[in-house]
Amino acid sequence: VCMTINVEAGQILPQRVGSFVEELAERYPGISLCLELNERSVARVSTAVRAQADHLRDIGIMIALDDYGSQDSSVDALVRMPMD
């Protein structure tokens, strides 16, 4: 079972929903979690957001890009953040 949650890139920080998502992953290990970051928000990613994405991936939470191609798409959006 996979649950996908659409969020903006900055929302994955621990003080936003990052800690909550980590708790969900621990509480429900049978459910794979995937955070879909919208393309617009990936255009302005801080070092802290990228580090948090790496951390979330390390504990088994997938990161995906949502809405790719709906704006002025750039391949750069695909490499700006670690993606599954």
N, C-alpha and C. Protein backbone atom coordinates (compact mmCIF):
# COMPACT_ATOMS: atom_id res chain seq x y z
N VAL A 1 0.85 -1.17 0.00
CA VAL A 1 0.00 0.00 0.00
C VAL A 1 0.90 1.23 0.00
N CYS A 2 0.58 2.18 -0.86
CA CYS A 2 1.34 3.43 -0.93
C CYS A 2 0.39 4.61 -0.77
N MET A 3 0.75 5.52 0.11
CA MET A 3 -0.03 6.74 0.31
C MET A 3 0.79 7.91 -0.20
N THR A 4 0.20 8.67 -1.10
CA THR A 4 0.87 9.82 -1.69
C THR A 4 0.26 11.10 -1.13
N ILE A 5 1.13 12.01 -0.71
CA ILE A 5 0.69 13.27 -0.12
C ILE A 5 1.31 14.41 -0.92
N ASN A 6 0.47 15.27 -1.45
CA ASN A 6 0.96 16.43 -2.22
C ASN A 6 1.29 17.57 -1.27
N VAL A 7 2.51 18.07 -1.37
CA VAL A 7 2.95 19.18 -0.52
C VAL A 7 3.86 20.10 -1.33
N GLU A 8 4.06 21.28 -0.80
CA GLU A 8 5.08 22.18 -1.36
C GLU A 8 6.41 21.80 -0.74
N ALA A 9 7.49 22.03 -1.43
CA ALA A 9 8.81 21.60 -0.97
C ALA A 9 9.11 22.09 0.45
N GLY A 10 8.84 23.34 0.76
CA GLY A 10 9.14 23.89 2.08
C GLY A 10 8.36 23.25 3.21
N GLN A 11 7.26 22.60 2.88
CA GLN A 11 6.45 21.97 3.91
C GLN A 11 7.08 20.70 4.49
N ILE A 12 8.11 20.15 3.87
CA ILE A 12 8.71 18.93 4.38
C ILE A 12 9.66 19.17 5.54
N LEU A 13 9.93 20.43 5.85
CA LEU A 13 10.81 20.74 6.98
C LEU A 13 10.20 20.21 8.28
N PRO A 14 11.05 19.83 9.26
CA PRO A 14 10.54 19.25 10.50
C PRO A 14 9.50 20.11 11.22
N GLN A 15 9.67 21.40 11.21
CA GLN A 15 8.73 22.28 11.92
C GLN A 15 7.40 22.43 11.19
N ARG A 16 7.31 21.97 9.97
CA ARG A 16 6.04 22.00 9.22
C ARG A 16 5.40 20.62 9.32
N VAL A 17 5.49 19.79 8.27
CA VAL A 17 4.88 18.45 8.34
C VAL A 17 5.92 17.33 8.37
N GLY A 18 7.20 17.68 8.26
CA GLY A 18 8.25 16.66 8.22
C GLY A 18 8.25 15.71 9.40
N SER A 19 8.17 16.25 10.60
CA SER A 19 8.16 15.40 11.80
C SER A 19 6.92 14.53 11.85
N PHE A 20 5.79 15.09 11.46
CA PHE A 20 4.54 14.33 11.43
C PHE A 20 4.63 13.16 10.46
N VAL A 21 5.20 13.40 9.30
CA VAL A 21 5.34 12.35 8.29
C VAL A 21 6.28 11.25 8.80
N GLU A 22 7.35 11.64 9.49
CA GLU A 22 8.25 10.65 10.08
C GLU A 22 7.51 9.78 11.08
N GLU A 23 6.67 10.38 11.92
CA GLU A 23 5.89 9.64 12.90
C GLU A 23 4.93 8.67 12.20
N LEU A 24 4.31 9.11 11.12
CA LEU A 24 3.42 8.23 10.36
C LEU A 24 4.17 7.01 9.83
N ALA A 25 5.37 7.25 9.31
CA ALA A 25 6.16 6.15 8.75
C ALA A 25 6.51 5.13 9.84
N GLU A 26 6.80 5.61 11.04
CA GLU A 26 7.13 4.71 12.15
C GLU A 26 5.88 3.98 12.64
N ARG A 27 4.77 4.69 12.73
CA ARG A 27 3.53 4.12 13.27
C ARG A 27 2.91 3.09 12.32
N TYR A 28 3.03 3.30 11.01
CA TYR A 28 2.41 2.42 10.02
C TYR A 28 3.47 1.90 9.04
N PRO A 29 4.32 1.00 9.49
CA PRO A 29 5.41 0.53 8.62
C PRO A 29 4.93 -0.24 7.38
N GLY A 30 3.71 -0.71 7.36
CA GLY A 30 3.19 -1.44 6.20
C GLY A 30 2.73 -0.54 5.07
N ILE A 31 2.74 0.77 5.31
CA ILE A 31 2.30 1.72 4.28
C ILE A 31 3.52 2.50 3.80
N SER A 32 3.77 2.47 2.50
CA SER A 32 4.84 3.28 1.92
C SER A 32 4.31 4.70 1.74
N LEU A 33 5.08 5.66 2.19
CA LEU A 33 4.70 7.06 2.04
C LEU A 33 5.48 7.70 0.91
N CYS A 34 4.80 8.52 0.13
CA CYS A 34 5.43 9.27 -0.95
C CYS A 34 4.98 10.72 -0.87
N LEU A 35 5.93 11.61 -0.76
CA LEU A 35 5.62 13.04 -0.77
C LEU A 35 5.81 13.56 -2.19
N GLU A 36 4.72 14.05 -2.78
CA GLU A 36 4.79 14.63 -4.12
C GLU A 36 4.95 16.14 -3.98
N LEU A 37 6.09 16.63 -4.42
CA LEU A 37 6.38 18.06 -4.35
C LEU A 37 5.95 18.71 -5.66
N ASN A 38 5.18 19.79 -5.56
CA ASN A 38 4.76 20.41 -6.82
C ASN A 38 5.94 21.13 -7.47
N GLU A 39 5.92 21.14 -8.77
CA GLU A 39 7.05 21.66 -9.54
C GLU A 39 7.37 23.11 -9.21
N ARG A 40 6.36 23.91 -9.03
CA ARG A 40 6.56 25.33 -8.74
C ARG A 40 7.39 25.52 -7.46
N SER A 41 7.11 24.72 -6.42
CA SER A 41 7.82 24.89 -5.15
C SER A 41 9.25 24.37 -5.21
N VAL A 42 9.55 23.48 -6.12
CA VAL A 42 10.91 22.94 -6.24
C VAL A 42 11.85 23.97 -6.87
N ALA A 43 11.30 24.99 -7.48
CA ALA A 43 12.12 26.03 -8.11
C ALA A 43 12.89 26.86 -7.08
N ARG A 44 12.44 26.84 -5.84
CA ARG A 44 13.10 27.64 -4.80
C ARG A 44 13.39 26.78 -3.56
N VAL A 45 14.32 25.87 -3.72
CA VAL A 45 14.65 24.92 -2.66
C VAL A 45 15.88 25.38 -1.90
N SER A 46 15.75 25.44 -0.57
CA SER A 46 16.89 25.81 0.27
C SER A 46 17.73 24.58 0.59
N THR A 47 18.89 24.81 1.14
CA THR A 47 19.77 23.72 1.56
C THR A 47 19.08 22.87 2.63
N ALA A 48 18.34 23.53 3.53
CA ALA A 48 17.64 22.81 4.60
C ALA A 48 16.56 21.89 4.04
N VAL A 49 15.85 22.34 3.03
CA VAL A 49 14.80 21.52 2.42
C VAL A 49 15.43 20.32 1.72
N ARG A 50 16.50 20.56 1.01
CA ARG A 50 17.18 19.45 0.33
C ARG A 50 17.71 18.43 1.34
N ALA A 51 18.30 18.91 2.43
CA ALA A 51 18.81 18.00 3.47
C ALA A 51 17.68 17.20 4.10
N GLN A 52 16.54 17.84 4.32
CA GLN A 52 15.38 17.13 4.88
C GLN A 52 14.87 16.07 3.91
N ALA A 53 14.86 16.39 2.63
CA ALA A 53 14.44 15.40 1.62
C ALA A 53 15.38 14.20 1.65
N ASP A 54 16.66 14.44 1.76
CA ASP A 54 17.63 13.34 1.86
C ASP A 54 17.35 12.50 3.10
N HIS A 55 17.09 13.16 4.23
CA HIS A 55 16.79 12.45 5.48
C HIS A 55 15.53 11.60 5.33
N LEU A 56 14.48 12.17 4.78
CA LEU A 56 13.22 11.43 4.62
C LEU A 56 13.42 10.22 3.72
N ARG A 57 14.19 10.38 2.67
CA ARG A 57 14.47 9.24 1.79
C ARG A 57 15.28 8.18 2.51
N ASP A 58 16.20 8.61 3.38
CA ASP A 58 17.01 7.65 4.14
C ASP A 58 16.16 6.78 5.06
N ILE A 59 15.05 7.32 5.54
CA ILE A 59 14.19 6.53 6.44
C ILE A 59 13.05 5.84 5.68
N GLY A 60 13.10 5.90 4.35
CA GLY A 60 12.17 5.12 3.54
C GLY A 60 10.98 5.87 2.96
N ILE A 61 10.94 7.18 3.12
CA ILE A 61 9.85 7.97 2.54
C ILE A 61 10.27 8.41 1.14
N MET A 62 9.43 8.14 0.17
CA MET A 62 9.75 8.49 -1.21
C MET A 62 9.43 9.97 -1.48
N ILE A 63 10.20 10.55 -2.39
CA ILE A 63 9.99 11.93 -2.84
C ILE A 63 9.75 11.88 -4.34
N ALA A 64 8.67 12.51 -4.78
CA ALA A 64 8.33 12.53 -6.21
C ALA A 64 8.02 13.97 -6.64
N LEU A 65 8.04 14.19 -7.93
CA LEU A 65 7.73 15.51 -8.49
C LEU A 65 6.33 15.46 -9.09
N ASP A 66 5.46 16.33 -8.62
CA ASP A 66 4.08 16.40 -9.08
C ASP A 66 3.94 17.56 -10.06
N ASP A 67 3.01 17.47 -10.96
CA ASP A 67 2.68 18.54 -11.90
C ASP A 67 3.80 18.87 -12.88
N TYR A 68 4.75 17.94 -13.10
CA TYR A 68 5.83 18.25 -14.03
C TYR A 68 5.25 18.47 -15.41
N GLY A 69 5.60 19.57 -16.00
CA GLY A 69 5.12 19.90 -17.34
C GLY A 69 3.95 20.85 -17.36
N SER A 70 3.41 21.18 -16.18
CA SER A 70 2.25 22.08 -16.15
C SER A 70 2.66 23.54 -16.13
N GLN A 71 3.88 23.83 -15.75
CA GLN A 71 4.41 25.20 -15.77
C GLN A 71 5.50 25.27 -16.84
N ASP A 72 6.38 26.23 -16.71
CA ASP A 72 7.54 26.30 -17.60
C ASP A 72 8.53 25.24 -17.12
N SER A 73 8.36 24.03 -17.58
CA SER A 73 9.13 22.90 -17.07
C SER A 73 10.60 23.02 -17.40
N SER A 74 11.38 22.50 -16.49
CA SER A 74 12.81 22.50 -16.66
C SER A 74 13.36 21.18 -16.13
N VAL A 75 14.31 20.62 -16.85
CA VAL A 75 14.96 19.42 -16.36
C VAL A 75 15.65 19.72 -15.04
N ASP A 76 16.02 20.97 -14.82
CA ASP A 76 16.66 21.38 -13.57
C ASP A 76 15.79 21.02 -12.37
N ALA A 77 14.47 21.07 -12.51
CA ALA A 77 13.57 20.71 -11.41
C ALA A 77 13.75 19.25 -11.02
N LEU A 78 14.13 18.42 -11.96
CA LEU A 78 14.30 17.01 -11.68
C LEU A 78 15.58 16.71 -10.90
N VAL A 79 16.57 17.57 -11.00
CA VAL A 79 17.84 17.35 -10.31
C VAL A 79 18.04 18.26 -9.10
N ARG A 80 17.18 19.22 -8.91
CA ARG A 80 17.30 20.15 -7.79
C ARG A 80 17.05 19.46 -6.46
N MET A 81 16.18 18.45 -6.48
CA MET A 81 15.82 17.71 -5.27
C MET A 81 16.08 16.23 -5.50
N PRO A 82 16.42 15.50 -4.43
CA PRO A 82 16.54 14.04 -4.59
C PRO A 82 15.16 13.46 -4.83
N MET A 83 15.01 12.69 -5.88
CA MET A 83 13.69 12.15 -6.26
C MET A 83 13.75 10.63 -6.37
N ASP A 84 12.59 10.03 -6.14
CA ASP A 84 12.42 8.61 -6.37
C ASP A 84 11.67 8.47 -7.65
